[in-house]
């Protein structure tokens, strides 16, 4: 017998004959359940022993895991508590540039969210499915410790709480502090090229609606 084709295998014995009319046969025992036909159902564990990818589709076909009802999918766990639960570190890489990617790491003392290969951008789209206006908020450099931030920033006492420090780059008052501000030193550069201060320059402090002018004296 040169070959044999089986469309559906179930647990039990597989009996093969070299010829339909021959009494010569061989018996093979199947120790696991195999699903090979659309609509088949199996119970128990499915084990893959191959070192090459064991689950794959033909060209341009999708692979979907669809737990019925409230079922979840787990990677490296038999008790996933979300729709997709991963126990351990995992990374997401670019298919065209494998050195560029993200990594979610839990094996350290803290939780890490890392990027490699390129600058990391943080943005939010106005529409669903990554459509509409893309609003950028922060970019983290891969070649330095610089962090570039964009737009208005409000530092609050709690989520949706009271504003304490407000940074509005495009406003006439780009920095606003609500409450007391303490600093070891305060330096004001009134012009980008010269650091001269004349007696007409003042700091205005508003207290209960009353403005107080503090004159600045050059060193």
C-alpha atoms as a PDB file:
ATOM      1  CA  UNK A   1       0.000   0.000   0.000  1.00  0.00           C
ATOM      2  CA  UNK A   2       1.581   3.266  -1.103  1.00  0.00           C
ATOM      3  CA  UNK A   3      -0.718   5.789   0.571  1.00  0.00           C
ATOM      4  CA  UNK A   4      -3.927   6.219   2.494  1.00  0.00           C
ATOM      5  CA  UNK A   5      -6.195   9.239   2.834  1.00  0.00           C
ATOM      6  CA  UNK A   6      -8.457   9.726   5.839  1.00  0.00           C
ATOM      7  CA  UNK A   7     -10.900  12.614   5.931  1.00  0.00           C
ATOM      8  CA  UNK A   8     -11.927  12.237   9.558  1.00  0.00           C
ATOM      9  CA  UNK A   9     -10.220  10.474  12.437  1.00  0.00           C
ATOM     10  CA  UNK A  10     -11.733   9.681  15.814  1.00  0.00           C
ATOM     11  CA  UNK A  11     -10.373   7.959  18.857  1.00  0.00           C
ATOM     12  CA  UNK A  12     -10.167   4.199  18.483  1.00  0.00           C
ATOM     13  CA  UNK A  13      -8.680   1.836  15.891  1.00  0.00           C
ATOM     14  CA  UNK A  14      -7.914   2.531  12.254  1.00  0.00           C
ATOM     15  CA  UNK A  15      -7.950  -0.603  10.088  1.00  0.00           C
ATOM     16  CA  UNK A  16      -6.332  -0.334   6.653  1.00  0.00           C
ATOM     17  CA  UNK A  17      -6.301  -2.900   3.833  1.00  0.00           C
ATOM     18  CA  UNK A  18      -3.801  -3.098   0.987  1.00  0.00           C
ATOM     19  CA  UNK A  19      -6.712  -3.916  -1.356  1.00  0.00           C
ATOM     20  CA  UNK A  20     -10.499  -3.811  -0.874  1.00  0.00           C
ATOM     21  CA  UNK A  21     -10.748  -7.563  -1.497  1.00  0.00           C
ATOM     22  CA  UNK A  22      -7.668  -8.490   0.519  1.00  0.00           C
ATOM     23  CA  UNK A  23      -7.767 -10.110   3.935  1.00  0.00           C
ATOM     24  CA  UNK A  24      -4.371  -8.654   4.792  1.00  0.00           C
ATOM     25  CA  UNK A  25      -4.804  -5.671   7.066  1.00  0.00           C
ATOM     26  CA  UNK A  26      -2.987  -3.584   9.628  1.00  0.00           C
ATOM     27  CA  UNK A  27      -4.410  -1.880  12.695  1.00  0.00           C
ATOM     28  CA  UNK A  28      -3.266   1.468  14.106  1.00  0.00           C
ATOM     29  CA  UNK A  29      -4.469   2.861  17.416  1.00  0.00           C
ATOM     30  CA  UNK A  30      -5.409   6.544  17.564  1.00  0.00           C
ATOM     31  CA  UNK A  31      -4.787   7.922  21.029  1.00  0.00           C
ATOM     32  CA  UNK A  32      -6.232  11.388  20.462  1.00  0.00           C
ATOM     33  CA  UNK A  33      -9.063  13.144  18.680  1.00  0.00           C
ATOM     34  CA  UNK A  34      -8.393  14.812  15.355  1.00  0.00           C
ATOM     35  CA  UNK A  35     -10.735  17.309  13.719  1.00  0.00           C
ATOM     36  CA  UNK A  36     -10.431  17.683   9.977  1.00  0.00           C
ATOM     37  CA  UNK A  37     -13.940  18.413   8.683  1.00  0.00           C
ATOM     38  CA  UNK A  38     -15.862  21.677   9.013  1.00  0.00           C
ATOM     39  CA  UNK A  39     -18.452  21.392  11.756  1.00  0.00           C
ATOM     40  CA  UNK A  40     -16.659  18.638  13.697  1.00  0.00           C
ATOM     41  CA  UNK A  41     -16.567  18.878  17.475  1.00  0.00           C
ATOM     42  CA  UNK A  42     -13.916  17.508  19.795  1.00  0.00           C
ATOM     43  CA  UNK A  43     -13.394  17.298  23.527  1.00  0.00           C
ATOM     44  CA  UNK A  44     -10.184  16.953  25.479  1.00  0.00           C
ATOM     45  CA  UNK A  45      -6.729  18.291  24.643  1.00  0.00           C
ATOM     46  CA  UNK A  46      -5.212  18.836  21.224  1.00  0.00           C
ATOM     47  CA  UNK A  47      -1.421  18.505  21.275  1.00  0.00           C
ATOM     48  CA  UNK A  48       0.967  19.736  18.563  1.00  0.00           C
ATOM     49  CA  UNK A  49       4.391  18.109  18.386  1.00  0.00           C
ATOM     50  CA  UNK A  50       5.817  19.799  15.312  1.00  0.00           C
ATOM     51  CA  UNK A  51       8.547  22.423  15.639  1.00  0.00           C
ATOM     52  CA  UNK A  52       7.296  24.252  12.545  1.00  0.00           C
ATOM     53  CA  UNK A  53       4.004  26.210  12.714  1.00  0.00           C
ATOM     54  CA  UNK A  54       1.211  23.735  13.354  1.00  0.00           C
ATOM     55  CA  UNK A  55      -1.785  26.044  12.918  1.00  0.00           C
ATOM     56  CA  UNK A  56      -1.909  27.889   9.632  1.00  0.00           C
ATOM     57  CA  UNK A  57      -4.260  28.826   6.815  1.00  0.00           C
ATOM     58  CA  UNK A  58      -3.937  28.963   3.081  1.00  0.00           C
ATOM     59  CA  UNK A  59      -2.932  32.220   1.400  1.00  0.00           C
ATOM     60  CA  UNK A  60      -4.964  35.316   2.374  1.00  0.00           C
ATOM     61  CA  UNK A  61      -7.278  33.340   4.672  1.00  0.00           C
ATOM     62  CA  UNK A  62      -8.174  34.364   8.232  1.00  0.00           C
ATOM     63  CA  UNK A  63      -7.922  32.320  11.407  1.00  0.00           C
ATOM     64  CA  UNK A  64     -10.539  33.019  14.073  1.00  0.00           C
ATOM     65  CA  UNK A  65     -10.931  31.666  17.598  1.00  0.00           C
ATOM     66  CA  UNK A  66     -14.576  31.975  18.564  1.00  0.00           C
ATOM     67  CA  UNK A  67     -15.402  30.767  22.092  1.00  0.00           C
ATOM     68  CA  UNK A  68     -19.119  30.123  22.335  1.00  0.00           C
ATOM     69  CA  UNK A  69     -21.144  32.124  24.855  1.00  0.00           C
ATOM     70  CA  UNK A  70     -18.960  33.495  27.666  1.00  0.00           C
ATOM     71  CA  UNK A  71     -15.879  31.432  26.796  1.00  0.00           C
ATOM     72  CA  UNK A  72     -12.406  32.968  26.772  1.00  0.00           C
ATOM     73  CA  UNK A  73      -9.107  32.258  24.993  1.00  0.00           C
ATOM     74  CA  UNK A  74      -5.935  31.710  26.996  1.00  0.00           C
ATOM     75  CA  UNK A  75      -2.274  31.630  26.025  1.00  0.00           C
ATOM     76  CA  UNK A  76      -0.090  29.769  28.525  1.00  0.00           C
ATOM     77  CA  UNK A  77      -3.070  29.426  30.865  1.00  0.00           C
ATOM     78  CA  UNK A  78      -5.998  27.025  31.208  1.00  0.00           C
ATOM     79  CA  UNK A  79      -8.180  29.559  33.061  1.00  0.00           C
ATOM     80  CA  UNK A  80      -8.363  32.774  31.019  1.00  0.00           C
ATOM     81  CA  UNK A  81     -10.427  35.441  32.762  1.00  0.00           C
ATOM     82  CA  UNK A  82     -10.791  37.806  29.775  1.00  0.00           C
ATOM     83  CA  UNK A  83     -11.588  37.321  26.088  1.00  0.00           C
ATOM     84  CA  UNK A  84      -7.847  36.929  25.529  1.00  0.00           C
ATOM     85  CA  UNK A  85      -5.533  36.288  28.479  1.00  0.00           C
ATOM     86  CA  UNK A  86      -1.758  35.923  28.168  1.00  0.00           C
ATOM     87  CA  UNK A  87       0.357  34.663  31.061  1.00  0.00           C
ATOM     88  CA  UNK A  88       3.927  35.821  30.477  1.00  0.00           C
ATOM     89  CA  UNK A  89       5.574  38.415  28.269  1.00  0.00           C
ATOM     90  CA  UNK A  90       4.433  39.030  24.720  1.00  0.00           C
ATOM     91  CA  UNK A  91       5.544  41.293  21.887  1.00  0.00           C
ATOM     92  CA  UNK A  92       4.009  42.809  18.757  1.00  0.00           C
ATOM     93  CA  UNK A  93       6.402  43.303  15.833  1.00  0.00           C
ATOM     94  CA  UNK A  94       6.190  44.854  12.400  1.00  0.00           C
ATOM     95  CA  UNK A  95       6.179  42.261   9.598  1.00  0.00           C
ATOM     96  CA  UNK A  96       8.332  44.423   7.304  1.00  0.00           C
ATOM     97  CA  UNK A  97      10.685  45.729  10.023  1.00  0.00           C
ATOM     98  CA  UNK A  98      11.079  42.980  12.668  1.00  0.00           C
ATOM     99  CA  UNK A  99      13.349  45.156  14.856  1.00  0.00           C
ATOM    100  CA  UNK A 100      10.462  47.601  15.350  1.00  0.00           C
ATOM    101  CA  UNK A 101       7.846  46.550  17.874  1.00  0.00           C
ATOM    102  CA  UNK A 102       6.233  46.698  21.295  1.00  0.00           C
ATOM    103  CA  UNK A 103       6.742  44.483  24.307  1.00  0.00           C
ATOM    104  CA  UNK A 104       4.493  43.936  27.297  1.00  0.00           C
ATOM    105  CA  UNK A 105       6.607  42.514  30.115  1.00  0.00           C
ATOM    106  CA  UNK A 106       5.386  41.159  33.447  1.00  0.00           C
ATOM    107  CA  UNK A 107       8.412  39.113  34.494  1.00  0.00           C
ATOM    108  CA  UNK A 108      10.225  42.050  36.109  1.00  0.00           C
ATOM    109  CA  UNK A 109       9.536  43.589  39.488  1.00  0.00           C
ATOM    110  CA  UNK A 110       7.182  46.090  37.818  1.00  0.00           C
ATOM    111  CA  UNK A 111       5.006  46.141  34.707  1.00  0.00           C
ATOM    112  CA  UNK A 112       6.800  47.354  31.584  1.00  0.00           C
ATOM    113  CA  UNK A 113       5.496  48.669  28.270  1.00  0.00           C
ATOM    114  CA  UNK A 114       8.480  49.005  25.943  1.00  0.00           C
ATOM    115  CA  UNK A 115       9.125  49.963  22.344  1.00  0.00           C
ATOM    116  CA  UNK A 116      12.157  49.314  20.155  1.00  0.00           C
ATOM    117  CA  UNK A 117      13.491  50.477  16.826  1.00  0.00           C
ATOM    118  CA  UNK A 118      11.521  53.723  16.469  1.00  0.00           C
ATOM    119  CA  UNK A 119       9.960  56.610  18.394  1.00  0.00           C
ATOM    120  CA  UNK A 120       6.840  55.696  20.390  1.00  0.00           C
ATOM    121  CA  UNK A 121       3.783  57.845  19.693  1.00  0.00           C
ATOM    122  CA  UNK A 122       0.651  58.177  21.810  1.00  0.00           C
ATOM    123  CA  UNK A 123      -2.455  59.372  19.988  1.00  0.00           C
ATOM    124  CA  UNK A 124      -6.240  59.029  19.958  1.00  0.00           C
ATOM    125  CA  UNK A 125      -8.552  58.932  16.940  1.00  0.00           C
ATOM    126  CA  UNK A 126     -11.855  60.783  17.048  1.00  0.00           C
ATOM    127  CA  UNK A 127     -13.750  58.001  15.237  1.00  0.00           C
ATOM    128  CA  UNK A 128     -14.175  54.285  15.741  1.00  0.00           C
ATOM    129  CA  UNK A 129     -11.894  51.848  13.965  1.00  0.00           C
ATOM    130  CA  UNK A 130      -8.954  54.314  13.878  1.00  0.00           C
ATOM    131  CA  UNK A 131     -10.803  56.800  11.670  1.00  0.00           C
ATOM    132  CA  UNK A 132     -11.381  60.530  11.842  1.00  0.00           C
ATOM    133  CA  UNK A 133      -8.917  63.007  13.318  1.00  0.00           C
ATOM    134  CA  UNK A 134      -5.766  61.597  14.861  1.00  0.00           C
ATOM    135  CA  UNK A 135      -4.763  63.703  17.861  1.00  0.00           C
ATOM    136  CA  UNK A 136      -1.167  63.356  19.039  1.00  0.00           C
ATOM    137  CA  UNK A 137      -0.330  63.798  22.727  1.00  0.00           C
ATOM    138  CA  UNK A 138       3.173  62.474  23.313  1.00  0.00           C
ATOM    139  CA  UNK A 139       6.227  61.058  21.564  1.00  0.00           C
ATOM    140  CA  UNK A 140       9.060  59.225  23.319  1.00  0.00           C
ATOM    141  CA  UNK A 141      12.473  59.306  21.634  1.00  0.00           C
ATOM    142  CA  UNK A 142      14.474  56.133  20.970  1.00  0.00           C
ATOM    143  CA  UNK A 143      17.821  57.971  20.793  1.00  0.00           C
ATOM    144  CA  UNK A 144      17.546  60.194  23.887  1.00  0.00           C
ATOM    145  CA  UNK A 145      15.553  60.681  27.073  1.00  0.00           C
ATOM    146  CA  UNK A 146      13.526  63.476  25.475  1.00  0.00           C
ATOM    147  CA  UNK A 147       9.733  63.340  25.604  1.00  0.00           C
ATOM    148  CA  UNK A 148       7.803  65.594  23.219  1.00  0.00           C
ATOM    149  CA  UNK A 149       4.278  66.559  24.299  1.00  0.00           C
ATOM    150  CA  UNK A 150       1.622  68.322  22.253  1.00  0.00           C
ATOM    151  CA  UNK A 151      -1.640  70.139  22.905  1.00  0.00           C
ATOM    152  CA  UNK A 152      -3.027  71.293  26.230  1.00  0.00           C
ATOM    153  CA  UNK A 153      -2.097  69.562  29.481  1.00  0.00           C
ATOM    154  CA  UNK A 154      -4.081  69.778  32.705  1.00  0.00           C
ATOM    155  CA  UNK A 155      -2.745  68.281  35.928  1.00  0.00           C
ATOM    156  CA  UNK A 156      -5.653  67.474  38.227  1.00  0.00           C
ATOM    157  CA  UNK A 157      -6.090  66.312  41.812  1.00  0.00           C
ATOM    158  CA  UNK A 158      -7.958  63.208  40.578  1.00  0.00           C
ATOM    159  CA  UNK A 159      -9.505  61.952  37.328  1.00  0.00           C
ATOM    160  CA  UNK A 160     -11.859  64.733  36.178  1.00  0.00           C
ATOM    161  CA  UNK A 161     -10.985  66.595  39.381  1.00  0.00           C
ATOM    162  CA  UNK A 162      -9.814  70.134  40.079  1.00  0.00           C
ATOM    163  CA  UNK A 163      -7.206  71.659  37.781  1.00  0.00           C
ATOM    164  CA  UNK A 164      -4.010  72.526  39.672  1.00  0.00           C
ATOM    165  CA  UNK A 165      -1.516  73.170  36.859  1.00  0.00           C
ATOM    166  CA  UNK A 166      -2.604  74.041  33.328  1.00  0.00           C
ATOM    167  CA  UNK A 167      -0.261  74.221  30.328  1.00  0.00           C
ATOM    168  CA  UNK A 168      -1.785  75.827  27.229  1.00  0.00           C
ATOM    169  CA  UNK A 169       0.986  76.393  24.652  1.00  0.00           C
ATOM    170  CA  UNK A 170      -1.216  78.377  22.252  1.00  0.00           C
ATOM    171  CA  UNK A 171      -2.929  80.511  24.887  1.00  0.00           C
ATOM    172  CA  UNK A 172      -1.992  84.045  25.998  1.00  0.00           C
ATOM    173  CA  UNK A 173      -1.346  82.533  29.440  1.00  0.00           C
ATOM    174  CA  UNK A 174       0.553  79.346  28.586  1.00  0.00           C
ATOM    175  CA  UNK A 175       1.165  78.358  32.219  1.00  0.00           C
ATOM    176  CA  UNK A 176      -1.408  78.664  34.989  1.00  0.00           C
ATOM    177  CA  UNK A 177      -0.946  77.430  38.539  1.00  0.00           C
ATOM    178  CA  UNK A 178      -3.941  77.206  40.863  1.00  0.00           C
ATOM    179  CA  UNK A 179      -2.691  77.598  44.426  1.00  0.00           C
ATOM    180  CA  UNK A 180       0.807  78.020  45.817  1.00  0.00           C
ATOM    181  CA  UNK A 181       3.876  77.530  43.670  1.00  0.00           C
ATOM    182  CA  UNK A 182       7.237  77.003  45.376  1.00  0.00           C
ATOM    183  CA  UNK A 183      10.645  77.026  43.726  1.00  0.00           C
ATOM    184  CA  UNK A 184      14.271  77.368  44.820  1.00  0.00           C
ATOM    185  CA  UNK A 185      14.738  79.944  42.079  1.00  0.00           C
ATOM    186  CA  UNK A 186      12.750  81.743  39.414  1.00  0.00           C
ATOM    187  CA  UNK A 187      14.293  82.922  36.158  1.00  0.00           C
ATOM    188  CA  UNK A 188      12.433  84.878  33.501  1.00  0.00           C
ATOM    189  CA  UNK A 189      13.881  85.239  30.019  1.00  0.00           C
ATOM    190  CA  UNK A 190      11.826  88.038  28.542  1.00  0.00           C
ATOM    191  CA  UNK A 191      13.491  87.880  25.143  1.00  0.00           C
ATOM    192  CA  UNK A 192      15.062  84.864  23.464  1.00  0.00           C
ATOM    193  CA  UNK A 193      18.359  86.619  22.612  1.00  0.00           C
ATOM    194  CA  UNK A 194      18.982  89.068  25.470  1.00  0.00           C
ATOM    195  CA  UNK A 195      18.764  88.593  29.206  1.00  0.00           C
ATOM    196  CA  UNK A 196      18.502  92.239  30.192  1.00  0.00           C
ATOM    197  CA  UNK A 197      15.771  93.373  32.535  1.00  0.00           C
ATOM    198  CA  UNK A 198      14.690  97.000  32.787  1.00  0.00           C
ATOM    199  CA  UNK A 199      12.895  98.592  35.743  1.00  0.00           C
ATOM    200  CA  UNK A 200       9.678  98.614  33.706  1.00  0.00           C
ATOM    201  CA  UNK A 201       9.483  94.833  33.741  1.00  0.00           C
ATOM    202  CA  UNK A 202       7.269  93.464  36.496  1.00  0.00           C
ATOM    203  CA  UNK A 203       5.669  90.290  37.745  1.00  0.00           C
ATOM    204  CA  UNK A 204       1.926  90.598  38.256  1.00  0.00           C
ATOM    205  CA  UNK A 205       0.395  88.545  41.053  1.00  0.00           C
ATOM    206  CA  UNK A 206      -3.375  88.409  41.379  1.00  0.00           C
ATOM    207  CA  UNK A 207      -4.795  87.859  44.870  1.00  0.00           C
ATOM    208  CA  UNK A 208      -8.568  87.756  45.286  1.00  0.00           C
ATOM    209  CA  UNK A 209      -9.056  89.810  42.148  1.00  0.00           C
ATOM    210  CA  UNK A 210      -6.446  92.427  43.044  1.00  0.00           C
ATOM    211  CA  UNK A 211      -3.285  92.644  40.925  1.00  0.00           C
ATOM    212  CA  UNK A 212       0.065  93.340  42.588  1.00  0.00           C
ATOM    213  CA  UNK A 213       3.113  94.339  40.553  1.00  0.00           C
ATOM    214  CA  UNK A 214       6.562  93.286  41.684  1.00  0.00           C
ATOM    215  CA  UNK A 215       9.354  95.192  39.877  1.00  0.00           C
ATOM    216  CA  UNK A 216      12.283  93.221  38.530  1.00  0.00           C
ATOM    217  CA  UNK A 217      15.816  94.475  39.094  1.00  0.00           C
ATOM    218  CA  UNK A 218      18.701  93.362  36.900  1.00  0.00           C
ATOM    219  CA  UNK A 219      21.595  91.537  38.561  1.00  0.00           C
END
